[in-house]
């Protein structure tokens, strides 16, 4: 019984650490978005659009998996 509680504590600690890592990434992305992802809004070009398309595609994979949408829909 004691080993199981220890294993669970390690899992909880790892989960909390990974959640903190994700929270940090989300905060950074939100700040970057507020700054137009580093693009000058008056000088946006198709390369900027392509970069955002790539970011959106990657984030969509994550949100689809998290919310069971898209290819992850049940």
PDB file of N, CA and C in Angstrom:
ATOM      1  N   UNK A   1       0.825  -1.200   0.000  1.00  0.00           N
ATOM      2  CA  UNK A   1       0.000   0.000   0.000  1.00  0.00           C
ATOM      3  C   UNK A   1       0.865   1.258   0.000  1.00  0.00           C
ATOM      4  N   UNK A   2       1.919   1.216   0.742  1.00  0.00           N
ATOM      5  CA  UNK A   2       2.767   2.375   0.838  1.00  0.00           C
ATOM      6  C   UNK A   2       3.426   2.703  -0.506  1.00  0.00           C
ATOM      7  N   UNK A   3       3.840   1.682  -1.254  1.00  0.00           N
ATOM      8  CA  UNK A   3       4.468   1.899  -2.549  1.00  0.00           C
ATOM      9  C   UNK A   3       3.486   2.567  -3.512  1.00  0.00           C
ATOM     10  N   UNK A   4       2.242   2.156  -3.493  1.00  0.00           N
ATOM     11  CA  UNK A   4       1.238   2.725  -4.386  1.00  0.00           C
ATOM     12  C   UNK A   4       1.042   4.212  -4.095  1.00  0.00           C
ATOM     13  N   UNK A   5       0.981   4.595  -2.836  1.00  0.00           N
ATOM     14  CA  UNK A   5       0.833   6.009  -2.477  1.00  0.00           C
ATOM     15  C   UNK A   5       2.054   6.794  -2.962  1.00  0.00           C
ATOM     16  N   UNK A   6       3.230   6.228  -2.839  1.00  0.00           N
ATOM     17  CA  UNK A   6       4.457   6.890  -3.293  1.00  0.00           C
ATOM     18  C   UNK A   6       4.429   7.063  -4.805  1.00  0.00           C
ATOM     19  N   UNK A   7       4.044   6.008  -5.535  1.00  0.00           N
ATOM     20  CA  UNK A   7       3.970   6.090  -6.994  1.00  0.00           C
ATOM     21  C   UNK A   7       2.972   7.159  -7.415  1.00  0.00           C
ATOM     22  N   UNK A   8       1.850   7.246  -6.732  1.00  0.00           N
ATOM     23  CA  UNK A   8       0.836   8.243  -7.070  1.00  0.00           C
ATOM     24  C   UNK A   8       1.364   9.647  -6.784  1.00  0.00           C
ATOM     25  N   UNK A   9       2.091   9.823  -5.711  1.00  0.00           N
ATOM     26  CA  UNK A   9       2.655  11.141  -5.384  1.00  0.00           C
ATOM     27  C   UNK A   9       3.608  11.594  -6.483  1.00  0.00           C
ATOM     28  N   UNK A  10       4.404  10.667  -6.984  1.00  0.00           N
ATOM     29  CA  UNK A  10       5.327  10.992  -8.061  1.00  0.00           C
ATOM     30  C   UNK A  10       4.565  11.377  -9.324  1.00  0.00           C
ATOM     31  N   UNK A  11       3.473  10.674  -9.589  1.00  0.00           N
ATOM     32  CA  UNK A  11       2.648  11.003 -10.760  1.00  0.00           C
ATOM     33  C   UNK A  11       2.005  12.375 -10.595  1.00  0.00           C
ATOM     34  N   UNK A  12       1.522  12.670  -9.411  1.00  0.00           N
ATOM     35  CA  UNK A  12       0.908  13.972  -9.145  1.00  0.00           C
ATOM     36  C   UNK A  12       1.949  15.084  -9.319  1.00  0.00           C
ATOM     37  N   UNK A  13       3.128  14.881  -8.770  1.00  0.00           N
ATOM     38  CA  UNK A  13       4.194  15.884  -8.905  1.00  0.00           C
ATOM     39  C   UNK A  13       4.566  16.100 -10.368  1.00  0.00           C
ATOM     40  N   UNK A  14       4.667  15.012 -11.130  1.00  0.00           N
ATOM     41  CA  UNK A  14       5.004  15.117 -12.551  1.00  0.00           C
ATOM     42  C   UNK A  14       3.894  15.826 -13.314  1.00  0.00           C
ATOM     43  N   UNK A  15       2.636  15.527 -12.978  1.00  0.00           N
ATOM     44  CA  UNK A  15       1.494  16.171 -13.623  1.00  0.00           C
ATOM     45  C   UNK A  15       1.511  17.679 -13.362  1.00  0.00           C
ATOM     46  N   UNK A  16       1.725  18.063 -12.109  1.00  0.00           N
ATOM     47  CA  UNK A  16       1.750  19.483 -11.748  1.00  0.00           C
ATOM     48  C   UNK A  16       2.897  20.197 -12.457  1.00  0.00           C
ATOM     49  N   UNK A  17       4.043  19.561 -12.550  1.00  0.00           N
ATOM     50  CA  UNK A  17       5.187  20.168 -13.239  1.00  0.00           C
ATOM     51  C   UNK A  17       4.891  20.344 -14.724  1.00  0.00           C
ATOM     52  N   UNK A  18       4.285  19.340 -15.353  1.00  0.00           N
ATOM     53  CA  UNK A  18       3.973  19.427 -16.779  1.00  0.00           C
ATOM     54  C   UNK A  18       2.900  20.486 -17.018  1.00  0.00           C
ATOM     55  N   UNK A  19       1.916  20.580 -16.125  1.00  0.00           N
ATOM     56  CA  UNK A  19       0.874  21.609 -16.250  1.00  0.00           C
ATOM     57  C   UNK A  19       1.500  22.999 -16.154  1.00  0.00           C
ATOM     58  N   UNK A  20       2.441  23.184 -15.233  1.00  0.00           N
ATOM     59  CA  UNK A  20       3.123  24.477 -15.101  1.00  0.00           C
ATOM     60  C   UNK A  20       3.889  24.811 -16.375  1.00  0.00           C
ATOM     61  N   UNK A  21       4.506  23.812 -16.983  1.00  0.00           N
ATOM     62  CA  UNK A  21       5.222  24.024 -18.244  1.00  0.00           C
ATOM     63  C   UNK A  21       4.254  24.480 -19.340  1.00  0.00           C
ATOM     64  N   UNK A  22       3.101  23.833 -19.423  1.00  0.00           N
ATOM     65  CA  UNK A  22       2.092  24.215 -20.418  1.00  0.00           C
ATOM     66  C   UNK A  22       1.560  25.613 -20.133  1.00  0.00           C
ATOM     67  N   UNK A  23       1.279  25.908 -18.871  1.00  0.00           N
ATOM     68  CA  UNK A  23       0.788  27.248 -18.508  1.00  0.00           C
ATOM     69  C   UNK A  23       1.780  28.332 -18.925  1.00  0.00           C
ATOM     70  N   UNK A  24       3.065  28.064 -18.746  1.00  0.00           N
ATOM     71  CA  UNK A  24       4.095  29.022 -19.158  1.00  0.00           C
ATOM     72  C   UNK A  24       4.068  29.220 -20.669  1.00  0.00           C
ATOM     73  N   UNK A  25       3.953  28.129 -21.411  1.00  0.00           N
ATOM     74  CA  UNK A  25       3.892  28.237 -22.873  1.00  0.00           C
ATOM     75  C   UNK A  25       2.659  29.021 -23.316  1.00  0.00           C
ATOM     76  N   UNK A  26       1.511  28.754 -22.695  1.00  0.00           N
ATOM     77  CA  UNK A  26       0.278  29.460 -23.054  1.00  0.00           C
ATOM     78  C   UNK A  26       0.392  30.957 -22.777  1.00  0.00           C
ATOM     79  N   UNK A  27       1.007  31.308 -21.664  1.00  0.00           N
ATOM     80  CA  UNK A  27       1.212  32.719 -21.323  1.00  0.00           C
ATOM     81  C   UNK A  27       2.098  33.388 -22.365  1.00  0.00           C
ATOM     82  N   UNK A  28       3.168  32.710 -22.757  1.00  0.00           N
ATOM     83  CA  UNK A  28       4.069  33.266 -23.776  1.00  0.00           C
ATOM     84  C   UNK A  28       3.349  33.435 -25.113  1.00  0.00           C
ATOM     85  N   UNK A  29       2.550  32.461 -25.490  1.00  0.00           N
ATOM     86  CA  UNK A  29       1.812  32.555 -26.761  1.00  0.00           C
ATOM     87  C   UNK A  29       0.816  33.705 -26.709  1.00  0.00           C
ATOM     88  N   UNK A  30       0.117  33.851 -25.591  1.00  0.00           N
ATOM     89  CA  UNK A  30      -0.850  34.946 -25.455  1.00  0.00           C
ATOM     90  C   UNK A  30      -0.153  36.299 -25.585  1.00  0.00           C
ATOM     91  N   UNK A  31       1.010  36.452 -24.963  1.00  0.00           N
ATOM     92  CA  UNK A  31       1.748  37.716 -25.065  1.00  0.00           C
ATOM     93  C   UNK A  31       2.227  37.954 -26.490  1.00  0.00           C
ATOM     94  N   UNK A  32       2.686  36.914 -27.152  1.00  0.00           N
ATOM     95  CA  UNK A  32       3.125  37.038 -28.532  1.00  0.00           C
ATOM     96  C   UNK A  32       1.958  37.422 -29.441  1.00  0.00           C
ATOM     97  N   UNK A  33       0.784  36.863 -29.168  1.00  0.00           N
ATOM     98  CA  UNK A  33      -0.411  37.207 -29.939  1.00  0.00           C
ATOM     99  C   UNK A  33      -0.772  38.675 -29.763  1.00  0.00           C
ATOM    100  N   UNK A  34      -0.667  39.168 -28.528  1.00  0.00           N
ATOM    101  CA  UNK A  34      -0.949  40.585 -28.271  1.00  0.00           C
ATOM    102  C   UNK A  34      -0.021  41.492 -29.076  1.00  0.00           C
ATOM    103  N   UNK A  35       1.161  40.971 -29.393  1.00  0.00           N
ATOM    104  CA  UNK A  35       2.150  41.724 -30.168  1.00  0.00           C
ATOM    105  C   UNK A  35       2.117  41.306 -31.647  1.00  0.00           C
ATOM    106  N   UNK A  36       0.965  40.817 -32.096  1.00  0.00           N
ATOM    107  CA  UNK A  36       0.774  40.419 -33.500  1.00  0.00           C
ATOM    108  C   UNK A  36       1.807  39.394 -33.949  1.00  0.00           C
ATOM    109  N   UNK A  37       2.205  38.523 -33.025  1.00  0.00           N
ATOM    110  CA  UNK A  37       3.190  37.481 -33.318  1.00  0.00           C
ATOM    111  C   UNK A  37       4.473  38.062 -33.899  1.00  0.00           C
ATOM    112  N   UNK A  38       4.821  39.270 -33.458  1.00  0.00           N
ATOM    113  CA  UNK A  38       6.053  39.906 -33.867  1.00  0.00           C
ATOM    114  C   UNK A  38       6.003  40.575 -35.229  1.00  0.00           C
ATOM    115  N   UNK A  39       4.848  40.544 -35.870  1.00  0.00           N
ATOM    116  CA  UNK A  39       4.714  41.157 -37.197  1.00  0.00           C
ATOM    117  C   UNK A  39       4.245  42.597 -37.052  1.00  0.00           C
ATOM    118  N   UNK A  40       4.726  43.458 -37.917  1.00  0.00           N
ATOM    119  CA  UNK A  40       4.248  44.834 -37.980  1.00  0.00           C
ATOM    120  C   UNK A  40       2.909  44.804 -38.706  1.00  0.00           C
ATOM    121  N   UNK A  41       1.808  45.153 -38.026  1.00  0.00           N
ATOM    122  CA  UNK A  41       0.482  45.059 -38.647  1.00  0.00           C
ATOM    123  C   UNK A  41       0.374  45.817 -39.969  1.00  0.00           C
ATOM    124  N   UNK A  42       1.168  46.862 -40.136  1.00  0.00           N
ATOM    125  CA  UNK A  42       1.116  47.640 -41.371  1.00  0.00           C
ATOM    126  C   UNK A  42       1.994  47.054 -42.474  1.00  0.00           C
ATOM    127  N   UNK A  43       2.775  46.034 -42.135  1.00  0.00           N
ATOM    128  CA  UNK A  43       3.688  45.448 -43.116  1.00  0.00           C
ATOM    129  C   UNK A  43       3.544  43.931 -43.214  1.00  0.00           C
ATOM    130  N   UNK A  44       2.378  43.417 -42.851  1.00  0.00           N
ATOM    131  CA  UNK A  44       2.145  41.979 -42.898  1.00  0.00           C
ATOM    132  C   UNK A  44       2.296  41.495 -44.341  1.00  0.00           C
ATOM    133  N   UNK A  45       2.958  40.343 -44.492  1.00  0.00           N
ATOM    134  CA  UNK A  45       3.112  39.762 -45.821  1.00  0.00           C
ATOM    135  C   UNK A  45       2.664  38.302 -45.793  1.00  0.00           C
ATOM    136  N   UNK A  46       2.712  37.652 -46.952  1.00  0.00           N
ATOM    137  CA  UNK A  46       2.232  36.272 -47.034  1.00  0.00           C
ATOM    138  C   UNK A  46       3.087  35.313 -46.216  1.00  0.00           C
ATOM    139  N   UNK A  47       4.338  35.647 -45.989  1.00  0.00           N
ATOM    140  CA  UNK A  47       5.168  34.826 -45.111  1.00  0.00           C
ATOM    141  C   UNK A  47       4.638  34.840 -43.691  1.00  0.00           C
ATOM    142  N   UNK A  48       4.178  36.011 -43.241  1.00  0.00           N
ATOM    143  CA  UNK A  48       3.573  36.125 -41.904  1.00  0.00           C
ATOM    144  C   UNK A  48       2.306  35.280 -41.818  1.00  0.00           C
ATOM    145  N   UNK A  49       1.515  35.315 -42.892  1.00  0.00           N
ATOM    146  CA  UNK A  49       0.287  34.514 -42.931  1.00  0.00           C
ATOM    147  C   UNK A  49       0.634  33.024 -42.846  1.00  0.00           C
ATOM    148  N   UNK A  50       1.643  32.604 -43.600  1.00  0.00           N
ATOM    149  CA  UNK A  50       2.058  31.203 -43.573  1.00  0.00           C
ATOM    150  C   UNK A  50       2.538  30.764 -42.199  1.00  0.00           C
ATOM    151  N   UNK A  51       3.268  31.645 -41.542  1.00  0.00           N
ATOM    152  CA  UNK A  51       3.735  31.337 -40.189  1.00  0.00           C
ATOM    153  C   UNK A  51       2.555  31.145 -39.247  1.00  0.00           C
ATOM    154  N   UNK A  52       1.565  32.040 -39.336  1.00  0.00           N
ATOM    155  CA  UNK A  52       0.382  31.898 -38.469  1.00  0.00           C
ATOM    156  C   UNK A  52      -0.427  30.660 -38.828  1.00  0.00           C
ATOM    157  N   UNK A  53      -0.500  30.322 -40.104  1.00  0.00           N
ATOM    158  CA  UNK A  53      -1.194  29.089 -40.500  1.00  0.00           C
ATOM    159  C   UNK A  53      -0.531  27.878 -39.857  1.00  0.00           C
ATOM    160  N   UNK A  54       0.784  27.866 -39.845  1.00  0.00           N
ATOM    161  CA  UNK A  54       1.517  26.766 -39.220  1.00  0.00           C
ATOM    162  C   UNK A  54       1.248  26.714 -37.721  1.00  0.00           C
ATOM    163  N   UNK A  55       1.305  27.863 -37.061  1.00  0.00           N
ATOM    164  CA  UNK A  55       1.009  27.905 -35.619  1.00  0.00           C
ATOM    165  C   UNK A  55      -0.421  27.431 -35.350  1.00  0.00           C
ATOM    166  N   UNK A  56      -1.371  27.910 -36.151  1.00  0.00           N
ATOM    167  CA  UNK A  56      -2.778  27.530 -35.963  1.00  0.00           C
ATOM    168  C   UNK A  56      -2.965  26.031 -36.163  1.00  0.00           C
ATOM    169  N   UNK A  57      -2.295  25.466 -37.159  1.00  0.00           N
ATOM    170  CA  UNK A  57      -2.403  24.023 -37.427  1.00  0.00           C
ATOM    171  C   UNK A  57      -1.891  23.232 -36.218  1.00  0.00           C
ATOM    172  N   UNK A  58      -0.751  23.648 -35.684  1.00  0.00           N
ATOM    173  CA  UNK A  58      -0.205  22.950 -34.518  1.00  0.00           C
ATOM    174  C   UNK A  58      -1.110  23.084 -33.296  1.00  0.00           C
ATOM    175  N   UNK A  59      -1.622  24.282 -33.061  1.00  0.00           N
ATOM    176  CA  UNK A  59      -2.529  24.483 -31.919  1.00  0.00           C
ATOM    177  C   UNK A  59      -3.841  23.734 -32.115  1.00  0.00           C
ATOM    178  N   UNK A  60      -4.312  23.649 -33.359  1.00  0.00           N
ATOM    179  CA  UNK A  60      -5.550  22.920 -33.622  1.00  0.00           C
ATOM    180  C   UNK A  60      -5.381  21.440 -33.294  1.00  0.00           C
ATOM    181  N   UNK A  61      -4.211  20.885 -33.593  1.00  0.00           N
ATOM    182  CA  UNK A  61      -3.966  19.480 -33.247  1.00  0.00           C
ATOM    183  C   UNK A  61      -4.099  19.284 -31.740  1.00  0.00           C
ATOM    184  N   UNK A  62      -3.579  20.235 -30.991  1.00  0.00           N
ATOM    185  CA  UNK A  62      -3.649  20.147 -29.530  1.00  0.00           C
ATOM    186  C   UNK A  62      -5.086  20.307 -29.042  1.00  0.00           C
ATOM    187  N   UNK A  63      -5.784  21.333 -29.531  1.00  0.00           N
ATOM    188  CA  UNK A  63      -7.151  21.559 -29.045  1.00  0.00           C
ATOM    189  C   UNK A  63      -8.088  20.454 -29.514  1.00  0.00           C
ATOM    190  N   UNK A  64      -7.892  19.945 -30.720  1.00  0.00           N
ATOM    191  CA  UNK A  64      -8.724  18.828 -31.174  1.00  0.00           C
ATOM    192  C   UNK A  64      -8.547  17.617 -30.268  1.00  0.00           C
ATOM    193  N   UNK A  65      -7.313  17.323 -29.895  1.00  0.00           N
ATOM    194  CA  UNK A  65      -7.067  16.190 -29.001  1.00  0.00           C
ATOM    195  C   UNK A  65      -7.645  16.452 -27.610  1.00  0.00           C
ATOM    196  N   UNK A  66      -7.436  17.673 -27.092  1.00  0.00           N
ATOM    197  CA  UNK A  66      -7.900  17.990 -25.739  1.00  0.00           C
ATOM    198  C   UNK A  66      -9.424  17.994 -25.627  1.00  0.00           C
ATOM    199  N   UNK A  67     -10.096  18.464 -26.686  1.00  0.00           N
ATOM    200  CA  UNK A  67     -11.549  18.587 -26.644  1.00  0.00           C
ATOM    201  C   UNK A  67     -12.270  17.505 -27.447  1.00  0.00           C
ATOM    202  N   UNK A  68     -11.496  16.521 -27.922  1.00  0.00           N
ATOM    203  CA  UNK A  68     -12.050  15.412 -28.698  1.00  0.00           C
ATOM    204  C   UNK A  68     -12.850  15.922 -29.891  1.00  0.00           C
ATOM    205  N   UNK A  69     -12.206  16.785 -30.651  1.00  0.00           N
ATOM    206  CA  UNK A  69     -12.815  17.357 -31.860  1.00  0.00           C
ATOM    207  C   UNK A  69     -11.982  16.949 -33.064  1.00  0.00           C
ATOM    208  N   UNK A  70     -12.440  17.327 -34.258  1.00  0.00           N
ATOM    209  CA  UNK A  70     -11.692  17.017 -35.471  1.00  0.00           C
ATOM    210  C   UNK A  70     -11.468  15.519 -35.594  1.00  0.00           C
ATOM    211  N   UNK A  71     -10.252  15.135 -35.906  1.00  0.00           N
ATOM    212  CA  UNK A  71      -9.957  13.715 -36.083  1.00  0.00           C
ATOM    213  C   UNK A  71     -10.035  12.925 -34.775  1.00  0.00           C
ATOM    214  N   UNK A  72     -10.098  13.635 -33.653  1.00  0.00           N
ATOM    215  CA  UNK A  72     -10.196  12.979 -32.341  1.00  0.00           C
ATOM    216  C   UNK A  72     -11.637  12.884 -31.844  1.00  0.00           C
ATOM    217  N   UNK A  73     -12.595  13.340 -32.666  1.00  0.00           N
ATOM    218  CA  UNK A  73     -13.998  13.304 -32.260  1.00  0.00           C
ATOM    219  C   UNK A  73     -14.434  11.856 -32.074  1.00  0.00           C
ATOM    220  N   UNK A  74     -15.271  11.670 -31.103  1.00  0.00           N
ATOM    221  CA  UNK A  74     -15.780  10.312 -30.828  1.00  0.00           C
ATOM    222  C   UNK A  74     -16.977  10.006 -31.659  1.00  0.00           C
TER     223      UNK A  74
END
